C-alpha atoms as a PDB file:
ATOM      1  CA  MET A   1      25.197  16.171  13.153  1.00  0.00           C
ATOM      2  CA  LYS A   2      21.707  15.876  11.660  1.00  0.00           C
ATOM      3  CA  THR A   3      20.608  14.347   8.374  1.00  0.00           C
ATOM      4  CA  TYR A   4      17.752  15.896   6.441  1.00  0.00           C
ATOM      5  CA  GLN A   5      15.742  14.555   3.544  1.00  0.00           C
ATOM      6  CA  ILE A   6      14.633  17.176   1.052  1.00  0.00           C
ATOM      7  CA  LYS A   7      11.834  16.671  -1.450  1.00  0.00           C
ATOM      8  CA  VAL A   8      11.621  19.285  -4.200  1.00  0.00           C
ATOM      9  CA  LEU A   9       7.934  19.689  -4.923  1.00  0.00           C
ATOM     10  CA  ALA A  10       8.146  21.257  -8.374  1.00  0.00           C
ATOM     11  CA  ASP A  11      10.424  19.975 -11.133  1.00  0.00           C
ATOM     12  CA  ARG A  12      11.126  23.540 -12.227  1.00  0.00           C
ATOM     13  CA  ASP A  13      12.732  24.254  -8.822  1.00  0.00           C
ATOM     14  CA  GLU A  14      15.137  21.283  -8.823  1.00  0.00           C
ATOM     15  CA  THR A  15      18.025  23.269 -10.266  1.00  0.00           C
ATOM     16  CA  THR A  16      17.556  26.135  -7.806  1.00  0.00           C
ATOM     17  CA  VAL A  17      17.528  23.818  -4.792  1.00  0.00           C
ATOM     18  CA  SER A  18      20.496  21.852  -6.117  1.00  0.00           C
ATOM     19  CA  ASP A  19      22.460  25.073  -6.687  1.00  0.00           C
ATOM     20  CA  ILE A  20      21.749  26.264  -3.122  1.00  0.00           C
ATOM     21  CA  LEU A  21      22.816  22.937  -1.612  1.00  0.00           C
ATOM     22  CA  THR A  22      25.922  22.760  -3.798  1.00  0.00           C
ATOM     23  CA  ASP A  23      26.885  26.298  -2.758  1.00  0.00           C
ATOM     24  CA  LEU A  24      26.530  25.368   0.929  1.00  0.00           C
ATOM     25  CA  ALA A  25      28.618  22.246   0.336  1.00  0.00           C
ATOM     26  CA  ASN A  26      31.326  24.273  -1.419  1.00  0.00           C
ATOM     27  CA  LYS A  27      31.485  26.570   1.628  1.00  0.00           C
ATOM     28  CA  GLY A  28      31.993  23.538   3.872  1.00  0.00           C
ATOM     29  CA  ILE A  29      28.712  24.065   5.717  1.00  0.00           C
ATOM     30  CA  ILE A  30      27.068  20.820   4.630  1.00  0.00           C
ATOM     31  CA  GLU A  31      27.850  17.576   2.867  1.00  0.00           C
ATOM     32  CA  PHE A  32      25.584  17.118  -0.126  1.00  0.00           C
ATOM     33  CA  SER A  33      24.992  14.259  -2.504  1.00  0.00           C
ATOM     34  CA  ALA A  34      22.045  13.997  -4.839  1.00  0.00           C
ATOM     35  CA  GLY A  35      20.082  10.771  -4.742  1.00  0.00           C
ATOM     36  CA  ALA A  36      18.255   9.131  -7.588  1.00  0.00           C
ATOM     37  CA  PRO A  37      14.936  10.789  -8.384  1.00  0.00           C
ATOM     38  CA  GLN A  38      11.979   8.966  -6.943  1.00  0.00           C
ATOM     39  CA  GLN A  39       9.110   7.946  -9.174  1.00  0.00           C
ATOM     40  CA  THR A  40       5.862   9.177  -7.665  1.00  0.00           C
ATOM     41  CA  GLU A  41       3.655   7.605 -10.310  1.00  0.00           C
ATOM     42  CA  ASN A  42       2.855   3.936  -9.808  1.00  0.00           C
ATOM     43  CA  LYS A  43       4.849   3.957  -6.596  1.00  0.00           C
ATOM     44  CA  ARG A  44       3.883   0.928  -4.563  1.00  0.00           C
ATOM     45  CA  GLN A  45       4.531   0.086  -0.971  1.00  0.00           C
ATOM     46  CA  GLU A  46       5.386  -3.507  -0.174  1.00  0.00           C
ATOM     47  CA  ALA A  47       2.937  -5.410   1.975  1.00  0.00           C
ATOM     48  CA  SER A  48       3.973  -6.188   5.545  1.00  0.00           C
ATOM     49  CA  GLU A  49       3.985  -9.745   6.861  1.00  0.00           C
ATOM     50  CA  ASP A  50       0.784  -8.953   8.803  1.00  0.00           C
ATOM     51  CA  GLN A  51      -0.941  -7.717   5.650  1.00  0.00           C
ATOM     52  CA  VAL A  52       0.110 -10.810   3.713  1.00  0.00           C
ATOM     53  CA  GLN A  53      -1.157 -13.063   6.511  1.00  0.00           C
ATOM     54  CA  GLU A  54      -4.461 -11.167   6.627  1.00  0.00           C
ATOM     55  CA  ILE A  55      -4.910 -11.606   2.873  1.00  0.00           C
ATOM     56  CA  ILE A  56      -4.193 -15.317   3.170  1.00  0.00           C
ATOM     57  CA  GLU A  57      -6.637 -15.756   6.047  1.00  0.00           C
ATOM     58  CA  GLU A  58      -9.378 -13.809   4.268  1.00  0.00           C
ATOM     59  CA  SER A  59      -8.826 -15.770   1.065  1.00  0.00           C
ATOM     60  CA  GLU A  60      -9.483 -18.965   2.974  1.00  0.00           C
ATOM     61  CA  LEU A  61     -12.919 -17.615   3.915  1.00  0.00           C
ATOM     62  CA  GLY A  62     -13.831 -16.973   0.300  1.00  0.00           C
ATOM     63  CA  PRO A  63     -12.882 -14.710  -2.559  1.00  0.00           C
ATOM     64  CA  TYR A  64     -12.385 -11.272  -1.051  1.00  0.00           C
ATOM     65  CA  TYR A  65      -9.739  -9.668  -3.304  1.00  0.00           C
ATOM     66  CA  SER A  66      -9.739  -9.800  -7.057  1.00  0.00           C
ATOM     67  CA  GLU A  67      -6.568 -11.110  -8.672  1.00  0.00           C
ATOM     68  CA  LYS A  68      -5.622  -7.537  -9.648  1.00  0.00           C
ATOM     69  CA  GLU A  69      -6.223  -6.217  -6.116  1.00  0.00           C
ATOM     70  CA  ALA A  70      -4.119  -8.998  -4.575  1.00  0.00           C
ATOM     71  CA  LYS A  71      -1.284  -8.391  -7.055  1.00  0.00           C
ATOM     72  CA  ASP A  72      -1.394  -4.649  -6.349  1.00  0.00           C
ATOM     73  CA  ILE A  73      -1.286  -5.238  -2.586  1.00  0.00           C
ATOM     74  CA  LEU A  74       1.565  -7.740  -2.911  1.00  0.00           C
ATOM     75  CA  ASN A  75       3.395  -5.571  -5.466  1.00  0.00           C
ATOM     76  CA  LEU A  76       3.434  -8.312  -8.090  1.00  0.00           C
END
């Protein structure tokens, strides 16, 4: 069995895609459950431990990131 992740690119097509997947599920071809919609605006990726360590090391050398840049990188 394989698991697929589907991203509907246009909001206007969400219903069509959902209807197709629901129809396939009703026929017993797939199992389908809709996840929560993802927010694409202001979506931030958490910093890795290596990135955090790099920021700390560079900050010890002198101001390299502004407070806003550091908060954005650290998702604060």
